[in-house]
Amino acid sequence: MRDHRSNAWQTAVTIVQEAQPPFIPEGAHEMTLVIEYPPGDPGTPPHRHTGPAFGFVLEGEMLLELEGEPERVVRAGEAFWEPGGDVIHYQDGNNRDDIPLRFTVTMLCQPGKPMLTLVDDDELARRADRRAARPG
């Protein structure tokens, strides 16, 4: 009888991110999305999520900005996460105007609430002091 087991699993794992989220909503459900933006697309307007979100850029480059953190570029093969809750997610757009952006996000969502809520201009103005200095 042939042994069909493999040992590849012992070296097949690469950790790309570890995080300690501040909270997980009670009764949370999980949602995994694949998001694709064309070249130069600014992405979702400022918004927030009801729980933490964990992502991985599959192709391209994302310009990511979370409240209290400077904007940064997340490239293909890199991971990112956000705490969700009250934190505003300002940017998740395509940083490049010559190639598409494709990323996956797994979110832990609060039951009965939308997974994403846009933030209006009045709230953005009230919380302007929480946004990190912008380049240039």
Protein backbone atom coordinates (compact mmCIF):
# COMPACT_ATOMS: atom_id res chain seq x y z
CA MET A 1 0.00 0.00 0.00
CA ARG A 2 1.30 3.45 -0.99
CA ASP A 3 1.50 6.30 1.51
CA HIS A 4 -0.22 9.31 -0.12
CA ARG A 5 0.65 11.73 2.63
CA SER A 6 2.92 14.67 1.93
CA ASN A 7 5.38 16.46 4.17
CA ALA A 8 5.11 19.68 2.14
CA TRP A 9 2.73 21.18 4.72
CA GLN A 10 5.66 21.37 7.17
CA THR A 11 7.40 24.07 5.09
CA ALA A 12 4.49 25.44 3.03
CA VAL A 13 3.42 28.20 5.43
CA THR A 14 4.73 31.78 5.34
CA ILE A 15 3.41 34.17 7.98
CA VAL A 16 2.65 37.51 6.32
CA GLN A 17 0.98 39.22 9.27
CA GLU A 18 0.15 38.76 12.92
CA ALA A 19 -2.14 41.19 14.75
CA GLN A 20 -3.82 41.63 18.09
CA PRO A 21 -7.17 43.26 17.27
CA PRO A 22 -8.54 45.53 20.01
CA PHE A 23 -11.96 43.85 19.94
CA ILE A 24 -14.12 41.38 18.08
CA PRO A 25 -17.81 42.30 17.98
CA GLU A 26 -20.03 39.94 19.98
CA GLY A 27 -21.70 37.43 17.69
CA ALA A 28 -19.48 38.54 14.81
CA HIS A 29 -19.76 36.87 11.46
CA GLU A 30 -16.91 36.62 9.00
CA MET A 31 -16.94 37.98 5.47
CA THR A 32 -14.14 37.60 2.92
CA LEU A 33 -14.10 39.84 -0.15
CA VAL A 34 -11.96 40.28 -3.24
CA ILE A 35 -11.83 43.93 -4.31
CA GLU A 36 -10.59 45.08 -7.72
CA TYR A 37 -9.94 48.72 -8.66
CA PRO A 38 -8.89 49.89 -12.11
CA PRO A 39 -5.71 51.95 -12.58
CA GLY A 40 -5.82 55.25 -10.68
CA ASP A 41 -9.15 54.53 -8.93
CA PRO A 42 -9.40 56.35 -5.57
CA GLY A 43 -11.28 53.44 -3.96
CA THR A 44 -13.97 53.64 -1.32
CA PRO A 45 -14.70 57.10 0.16
CA PRO A 46 -13.88 57.55 3.88
CA HIS A 47 -15.69 54.85 5.84
CA ARG A 48 -15.55 52.56 8.86
CA HIS A 49 -16.17 48.89 9.56
CA THR A 50 -18.00 47.40 12.57
CA GLY A 51 -15.10 45.08 13.37
CA PRO A 52 -11.49 44.39 12.45
CA ALA A 53 -10.47 43.74 8.86
CA PHE A 54 -7.44 41.80 7.65
CA GLY A 55 -6.23 42.10 4.07
CA PHE A 56 -3.65 41.00 1.55
CA VAL A 57 -2.73 42.73 -1.71
CA LEU A 58 -2.79 40.21 -4.56
CA GLU A 59 -1.83 42.55 -7.42
CA GLY A 60 -0.77 46.18 -7.70
CA GLU A 61 -0.32 48.78 -4.97
CA MET A 62 -2.86 50.15 -2.49
CA LEU A 63 -2.67 53.59 -0.93
CA LEU A 64 -3.93 52.88 2.59
CA GLU A 65 -4.75 55.47 5.22
CA LEU A 66 -6.34 54.85 8.62
CA GLU A 67 -7.24 57.48 11.18
CA GLY A 68 -4.20 58.49 13.25
CA GLU A 69 -1.70 56.83 10.88
CA PRO A 70 0.15 58.32 7.93
CA GLU A 71 -0.89 57.08 4.51
CA ARG A 72 1.26 54.24 3.22
CA VAL A 73 1.62 52.05 0.17
CA VAL A 74 0.84 48.34 0.53
CA ARG A 75 2.30 46.33 -2.37
CA ALA A 76 1.43 42.95 -3.86
CA GLY A 77 2.43 40.22 -1.41
CA GLU A 78 2.01 42.45 1.65
CA ALA A 79 -0.69 42.29 4.32
CA PHE A 80 -2.57 45.02 6.18
CA TRP A 81 -5.18 45.23 8.91
CA GLU A 82 -7.41 47.78 10.55
CA PRO A 83 -9.11 47.70 13.93
CA GLY A 84 -12.58 48.71 12.74
CA GLY A 85 -15.09 50.18 15.17
CA ASP A 86 -14.82 53.96 15.48
CA VAL A 87 -11.62 54.28 13.38
CA ILE A 88 -12.07 56.04 10.03
CA HIS A 89 -10.58 54.32 6.99
CA TYR A 90 -9.71 57.28 4.73
CA GLN A 91 -8.14 55.58 1.72
CA ASP A 92 -7.85 52.17 0.05
CA GLY A 93 -7.35 53.29 -3.55
CA ASN A 94 -5.10 52.19 -6.35
CA ASN A 95 -1.74 53.90 -5.92
CA ARG A 96 -0.84 53.30 -9.59
CA ASP A 97 -2.40 54.72 -12.74
CA ASP A 98 -0.91 52.06 -15.03
CA ILE A 99 -1.99 48.75 -13.44
CA PRO A 100 -5.07 47.43 -11.61
CA LEU A 101 -5.24 46.81 -7.86
CA ARG A 102 -6.63 43.55 -6.52
CA PHE A 103 -6.79 42.68 -2.83
CA THR A 104 -8.66 40.43 -0.46
CA VAL A 105 -10.10 41.44 2.91
CA THR A 106 -11.53 39.28 5.69
CA MET A 107 -13.75 41.20 8.09
CA LEU A 108 -15.37 40.32 11.38
CA CYS A 109 -18.71 42.13 11.14
CA GLN A 110 -21.25 43.06 13.79
CA PRO A 111 -24.51 41.18 13.23
CA GLY A 112 -27.35 43.19 11.73
CA LYS A 113 -25.12 46.11 10.72
CA PRO A 114 -23.65 46.93 7.32
CA MET A 115 -20.05 45.81 6.84
CA LEU A 116 -19.15 49.32 5.68
CA THR A 117 -20.57 52.74 6.58
CA LEU A 118 -19.52 55.90 4.74
CA VAL A 119 -18.42 58.87 6.87
CA ASP A 120 -20.02 62.22 5.98
CA ASP A 121 -18.17 65.51 5.46
CA ASP A 122 -19.36 66.99 8.78
CA GLU A 123 -17.85 64.12 10.76
CA LEU A 124 -14.63 64.31 8.76
CA ALA A 125 -14.39 68.02 9.65
CA ARG A 126 -15.08 67.37 13.36
CA ARG A 127 -12.36 64.71 13.48
CA ALA A 128 -9.78 66.48 11.29
CA ASP A 129 -7.36 66.66 14.24
CA ARG A 130 -7.21 62.84 14.33
CA ARG A 131 -5.93 62.54 10.76
CA ALA A 132 -2.17 62.21 10.36
CA ALA A 133 -0.31 64.92 8.45
CA ARG A 134 -0.57 64.39 4.70
CA PRO A 135 2.43 64.53 2.38
CA GLY A 136 3.09 67.61 0.41
